Amino acid sequence: MTTAPRITTERLTLRSHVMADFDPLYELFGSDRARYMGGPYTPRQMWLWIASEVGSWPLKGFGSWGIERNSASAIIGQIGIIQPHHFPEPEIGWVLLEAYEGQGYAHEAARAALDWWWSTDRSDQLVSYINLENARSIALATRLGATPDPAAPLPEGDTPDDTMAYRHRRPV
């Protein structure tokens, strides 16, 4: 697979990233809101970040999607299943532009991405590496059925003092 598969839910479309995604995502990742994801980023860091998210598809067969509402064709966030070199296992992560938080979009997108992952038969588990101060992401991981896994190895540079792995398991 060279690009992200298009996934449509009741309200959302998960699709490959396009250049028009850069500015809205940089507005988020260049701000203090990116502190839970290693930011804020410079424009150069943002370019490398988004290029790696897109490049993950042909390299690994999974990566990130831009999230759009079906009623409009502008990006509202990102959902991804990624495993950069410094991650010990694949991770599902999410981020929404601030105006779209609190409306169930992240849950809907994450559910669709998890369903896609489970349909690929790659593995029966995924993690979400979440900063301990990121209450919204912890709540979403919990709502998705993930549980804390203190024994999980963390990405290089993360410690149990700042990050917890939340384990997602294939439904039976």
Protein backbone atom coordinates (compact mmCIF):
# COMPACT_ATOMS: atom_id res chain seq x y z
CA MET A 1 0.00 0.00 0.00
CA THR A 2 1.50 3.33 -0.98
CA THR A 3 -1.10 5.73 0.42
CA ALA A 4 -3.66 5.74 3.18
CA PRO A 5 -6.89 3.94 2.37
CA ARG A 6 -9.95 6.21 2.36
CA ILE A 7 -12.30 5.38 5.24
CA THR A 8 -15.73 6.93 5.63
CA THR A 9 -17.77 6.92 8.83
CA GLU A 10 -21.13 8.46 9.60
CA ARG A 11 -19.66 11.97 9.97
CA LEU A 12 -16.02 11.72 8.90
CA THR A 13 -13.65 10.81 6.11
CA LEU A 14 -10.16 9.57 6.91
CA ARG A 15 -7.95 10.26 3.88
CA SER A 16 -4.34 10.68 2.76
CA HIS A 17 -2.66 13.88 3.80
CA VAL A 18 -2.49 16.67 1.21
CA MET A 19 -0.39 19.85 1.12
CA ALA A 20 -3.39 21.90 2.27
CA ASP A 21 -3.12 20.07 5.63
CA PHE A 22 0.25 21.61 6.44
CA ASP A 23 -0.82 25.11 7.56
CA PRO A 24 -3.73 24.05 9.82
CA LEU A 25 -1.64 21.27 11.38
CA TYR A 26 1.32 23.60 11.83
CA GLU A 27 -0.95 26.09 13.59
CA LEU A 28 -1.66 23.31 16.10
CA PHE A 29 1.80 21.73 16.27
CA GLY A 30 3.54 25.10 16.42
CA SER A 31 1.53 26.01 19.52
CA ASP A 32 1.74 25.04 23.17
CA ARG A 33 -1.07 22.53 22.54
CA ALA A 34 1.60 20.28 20.98
CA ARG A 35 3.44 19.93 24.29
CA TYR A 36 2.07 16.39 24.74
CA MET A 37 3.49 15.40 21.34
CA GLY A 38 7.03 16.72 21.63
CA GLY A 39 6.19 20.25 20.44
CA PRO A 40 5.83 23.05 19.83
CA TYR A 41 7.44 22.43 16.43
CA THR A 42 9.24 24.77 14.06
CA PRO A 43 8.02 24.82 10.44
CA ARG A 44 10.99 22.63 9.47
CA GLN A 45 10.23 20.08 12.22
CA MET A 46 6.58 20.09 11.17
CA TRP A 47 7.54 19.38 7.57
CA LEU A 48 9.68 16.42 8.64
CA TRP A 49 6.94 15.19 10.94
CA ILE A 50 4.16 15.24 8.34
CA ALA A 51 6.46 13.81 5.65
CA SER A 52 7.27 10.87 7.93
CA GLU A 53 3.57 10.30 8.65
CA VAL A 54 2.84 10.16 4.90
CA GLY A 55 5.99 8.16 4.16
CA SER A 56 5.04 5.51 6.68
CA TRP A 57 2.38 4.11 4.32
CA PRO A 58 4.72 2.78 1.60
CA LEU A 59 7.39 1.83 4.13
CA LYS A 60 5.27 0.02 6.72
CA GLY A 61 1.79 -0.38 5.23
CA PHE A 62 0.24 1.88 7.87
CA GLY A 63 0.47 5.52 8.86
CA SER A 64 -1.68 8.59 9.41
CA TRP A 65 -4.85 9.97 7.91
CA GLY A 66 -6.13 13.51 7.71
CA ILE A 67 -9.62 13.75 9.22
CA GLU A 68 -12.35 15.70 7.42
CA ARG A 69 -16.01 16.12 8.22
CA ASN A 70 -18.17 14.69 5.44
CA SER A 71 -20.00 18.01 5.29
CA ALA A 72 -16.81 20.01 4.53
CA SER A 73 -13.49 19.26 2.86
CA ALA A 74 -11.11 20.90 5.32
CA ILE A 75 -8.88 19.03 7.75
CA ILE A 76 -10.08 18.94 11.36
CA GLY A 77 -7.34 16.70 12.74
CA GLN A 78 -5.28 13.59 12.30
CA ILE A 79 -5.53 9.96 13.33
CA GLY A 80 -2.70 7.55 12.79
CA ILE A 81 -1.26 4.15 13.46
CA ILE A 82 2.46 4.69 13.35
CA GLN A 83 5.72 3.13 14.45
CA PRO A 84 8.68 5.41 13.98
CA HIS A 85 12.08 3.84 14.54
CA HIS A 86 12.17 4.82 18.24
CA PHE A 87 8.74 3.26 19.06
CA PRO A 88 8.94 -0.34 20.32
CA GLU A 89 5.51 -1.20 18.87
CA PRO A 90 2.80 0.35 16.68
CA GLU A 91 0.85 3.19 18.28
CA ILE A 92 -2.54 4.70 17.54
CA GLY A 93 -2.58 8.42 18.19
CA TRP A 94 -4.96 11.29 17.50
CA VAL A 95 -5.12 15.04 17.49
CA LEU A 96 -7.89 17.48 16.59
CA LEU A 97 -7.82 21.16 15.83
CA GLU A 98 -9.15 22.95 18.90
CA ALA A 99 -12.45 24.04 17.31
CA TYR A 100 -13.41 20.38 16.77
CA GLU A 101 -12.65 18.96 20.22
CA GLY A 102 -15.44 17.72 22.46
CA GLN A 103 -17.75 16.64 19.63
CA GLY A 104 -16.91 12.94 19.47
CA TYR A 105 -14.83 13.25 16.29
CA ALA A 106 -11.65 11.80 17.81
CA HIS A 107 -13.55 8.78 19.12
CA GLU A 108 -15.25 8.20 15.76
CA ALA A 109 -11.97 8.49 13.86
CA ALA A 110 -10.07 6.29 16.32
CA ARG A 111 -12.77 3.62 16.20
CA ALA A 112 -12.57 3.60 12.37
CA ALA A 113 -8.75 3.38 12.43
CA LEU A 114 -8.85 0.56 14.99
CA ASP A 115 -11.44 -1.33 12.93
CA TRP A 116 -9.17 -0.95 9.89
CA TRP A 117 -6.16 -2.22 11.88
CA TRP A 118 -8.04 -5.23 13.23
CA SER A 119 -9.16 -6.08 9.68
CA THR A 120 -5.52 -6.25 8.48
CA ASP A 121 -4.55 -9.15 10.79
CA ARG A 122 -1.23 -7.46 11.58
CA SER A 123 -1.43 -7.92 15.35
CA ASP A 124 -3.95 -8.30 18.12
CA GLN A 125 -2.71 -5.25 20.03
CA LEU A 126 -1.78 -1.61 19.66
CA VAL A 127 -0.70 0.97 22.19
CA SER A 128 -1.28 4.67 22.70
CA TYR A 129 1.70 6.39 24.34
CA ILE A 130 0.11 9.19 26.35
CA ASN A 131 1.67 11.95 28.41
CA LEU A 132 0.46 11.58 32.01
CA GLU A 133 -0.84 15.18 31.99
CA ASN A 134 -2.95 14.68 28.84
CA ALA A 135 -6.30 13.99 30.52
CA ARG A 136 -8.32 14.24 27.27
CA SER A 137 -6.26 11.54 25.52
CA ILE A 138 -6.33 9.32 28.59
CA ALA A 139 -10.13 9.65 28.67
CA LEU A 140 -10.40 8.80 24.97
CA ALA A 141 -8.08 5.79 25.24
CA THR A 142 -10.17 4.54 28.16
CA ARG A 143 -13.42 5.13 26.24
CA LEU A 144 -11.96 3.07 23.39
CA GLY A 145 -11.40 0.21 25.84
CA ALA A 146 -7.63 0.60 26.26
CA THR A 147 -6.09 -0.11 29.65
CA PRO A 148 -2.85 1.16 31.20
CA ASP A 149 0.08 -1.19 30.62
CA PRO A 150 2.88 -0.14 32.98
CA ALA A 151 5.02 -3.08 31.78
CA ALA A 152 5.00 -1.95 28.12
CA PRO A 153 8.27 -0.64 26.76
CA LEU A 154 8.16 3.09 26.05
CA PRO A 155 9.51 5.05 23.09
CA GLU A 156 13.16 5.98 23.31
CA GLY A 157 13.46 9.10 25.47
CA ASP A 158 10.14 8.65 27.29
CA THR A 159 10.02 7.58 30.94
CA PRO A 160 7.30 6.25 33.27
CA ASP A 161 7.42 9.67 34.94
CA ASP A 162 5.95 11.31 31.82
CA THR A 163 4.35 8.60 29.64
CA MET A 164 1.98 5.67 30.05
CA ALA A 165 1.26 3.06 27.40
CA TYR A 166 -2.45 2.33 27.03
CA ARG A 167 -3.04 -1.10 25.50
CA HIS A 168 -5.75 -1.63 22.85
CA ARG A 169 -6.70 -5.27 22.25
CA ARG A 170 -8.51 -6.80 19.30
CA PRO A 171 -12.17 -7.39 20.24
CA VAL A 172 -13.12 -11.03 20.56
